[in-house]
Amino acid sequence: MDFQEAMIQLQVDEKTLLNRFSGNRALMERFIRKFSQDKTYMELCEAKRTEDTDGMLRAAHTLKGISGNLGMDALYRFCSQMVEDLRAGQLEHIDERFASIQQEYERIIRCLALLD
């Protein structure tokens, strides 16, 4: 899969994202391709596993920023919901929020793995 096809699969508004990177397509592509190397998602998984709500908040907030900056809007929304719930102390939906993040993150990673 070429980069253009990946952007479509990722549902990223390439024009908007390119503007964030000041028109530097190579830099934009490099950041998208490196997304899978970021450890924030693993930190979120570990915090969730150990029921560390402060760790979940930090990791979800960081992943929210990364995904938002890269135009991964669905992941951004799911992380935002988790951050809001954690900040409000509303833990009853955390499993559901985490499952949504996990599903979208894995979809993104599968797509990125297909890049040539």
Protein backbone atom coordinates (compact mmCIF):
# COMPACT_ATOMS: atom_id res chain seq x y z
CA MET A 1 0.00 0.00 0.00
CA ASP A 2 1.37 3.41 -0.84
CA PHE A 3 1.22 6.40 1.51
CA GLN A 4 -1.78 8.01 -0.23
CA GLU A 5 -3.81 4.81 0.17
CA ALA A 6 -2.76 4.57 3.81
CA MET A 7 -3.97 8.10 4.50
CA ILE A 8 -7.35 7.17 3.05
CA GLN A 9 -7.50 3.98 5.13
CA LEU A 10 -6.46 5.94 8.23
CA GLN A 11 -9.21 8.47 7.46
CA VAL A 12 -6.72 11.32 7.81
CA ASP A 13 -7.46 14.64 6.14
CA GLU A 14 -4.14 14.85 4.35
CA LYS A 15 -4.53 18.48 3.30
CA THR A 16 -5.16 19.63 6.88
CA LEU A 17 -2.36 17.48 8.22
CA LEU A 18 0.05 18.76 5.58
CA ASN A 19 -0.73 22.31 6.73
CA ARG A 20 0.24 21.31 10.29
CA PHE A 21 3.60 20.27 8.88
CA SER A 22 4.00 23.58 7.01
CA GLY A 23 3.67 21.79 3.68
CA ASN A 24 6.60 19.47 4.38
CA ARG A 25 5.27 16.18 2.98
CA ALA A 26 8.42 14.19 3.82
CA LEU A 27 8.26 15.26 7.47
CA MET A 28 4.55 14.47 7.66
CA GLU A 29 5.10 11.02 6.21
CA ARG A 30 8.00 10.35 8.55
CA PHE A 31 5.87 11.19 11.60
CA ILE A 32 2.98 9.01 10.41
CA ARG A 33 5.31 6.10 9.71
CA LYS A 34 6.95 6.43 13.16
CA PHE A 35 3.63 6.39 15.02
CA SER A 36 3.86 2.65 15.66
CA GLN A 37 7.21 3.14 17.44
CA ASP A 38 5.74 5.44 20.07
CA LYS A 39 5.49 3.72 23.48
CA THR A 40 2.51 5.70 24.81
CA TYR A 41 -0.06 3.07 23.88
CA MET A 42 1.96 0.39 25.71
CA GLU A 43 2.13 2.69 28.74
CA LEU A 44 -1.66 3.02 28.62
CA CYS A 45 -2.04 -0.76 28.42
CA GLU A 46 0.25 -1.26 31.41
CA ALA A 47 -1.52 1.41 33.46
CA LYS A 48 -4.88 -0.18 32.61
CA ARG A 49 -3.59 -3.63 33.54
CA THR A 50 -2.37 -2.40 36.94
CA GLU A 51 -5.43 -0.17 37.45
CA ASP A 52 -3.17 2.90 37.75
CA THR A 53 -5.65 5.70 37.04
CA ASP A 54 -2.96 8.41 37.16
CA GLY A 55 -0.88 6.45 34.65
CA MET A 56 -3.93 5.90 32.46
CA LEU A 57 -4.67 9.62 32.54
CA ARG A 58 -1.10 10.57 31.58
CA ALA A 59 -0.89 8.01 28.78
CA ALA A 60 -4.39 8.68 27.41
CA HIS A 61 -3.70 12.42 27.44
CA THR A 62 -0.38 11.96 25.63
CA LEU A 63 -1.91 9.58 23.07
CA LYS A 64 -4.74 12.07 22.58
CA GLY A 65 -2.19 14.76 21.68
CA ILE A 66 -0.19 12.54 19.37
CA SER A 67 -3.23 11.22 17.52
CA GLY A 68 -4.75 14.70 17.28
CA ASN A 69 -1.55 16.14 15.85
CA LEU A 70 -1.42 13.34 13.27
CA GLY A 71 -5.06 13.72 12.23
CA MET A 72 -6.12 10.34 13.61
CA ASP A 73 -9.46 11.74 14.65
CA ALA A 74 -11.22 8.59 15.88
CA LEU A 75 -8.33 7.68 18.17
CA TYR A 76 -8.20 11.28 19.35
CA ARG A 77 -11.93 11.21 20.24
CA PHE A 78 -11.66 7.91 22.13
CA CYS A 79 -8.65 9.17 24.10
CA SER A 80 -10.46 12.45 24.83
CA GLN A 81 -13.42 10.53 26.25
CA MET A 82 -11.14 8.48 28.48
CA VAL A 83 -9.29 11.58 29.70
CA GLU A 84 -12.58 13.32 30.51
CA ASP A 85 -13.87 10.30 32.42
CA LEU A 86 -10.63 9.89 34.37
CA ARG A 87 -10.48 13.57 35.28
CA ALA A 88 -14.09 13.42 36.48
CA GLY A 89 -13.43 10.25 38.47
CA GLN A 90 -16.04 8.42 36.41
CA LEU A 91 -14.46 5.00 36.10
CA GLU A 92 -17.55 3.02 35.14
CA HIS A 93 -16.89 3.47 31.40
CA ILE A 94 -13.10 3.02 31.46
CA ASP A 95 -13.20 -0.56 30.15
CA GLU A 96 -15.41 0.56 27.27
CA ARG A 97 -13.19 3.58 26.54
CA PHE A 98 -10.07 1.44 26.63
CA ALA A 99 -11.63 -1.15 24.29
CA SER A 100 -12.44 1.60 21.76
CA ILE A 101 -8.88 2.96 21.97
CA GLN A 102 -7.45 -0.52 21.61
CA GLN A 103 -9.57 -1.37 18.58
CA GLU A 104 -8.75 1.89 16.77
CA TYR A 105 -5.05 1.78 17.67
CA GLU A 106 -4.75 -1.77 16.34
CA ARG A 107 -6.57 -0.78 13.14
CA ILE A 108 -4.08 2.06 12.63
CA ILE A 109 -1.09 -0.20 13.31
CA ARG A 110 -2.37 -2.84 10.87
CA CYS A 111 -2.75 -0.17 8.21
CA LEU A 112 0.73 1.26 8.83
CA ALA A 113 2.24 -2.21 8.64
CA LEU A 114 1.01 -2.45 5.04
CA LEU A 115 2.94 0.62 3.92
CA ASP A 116 5.61 -0.07 1.33
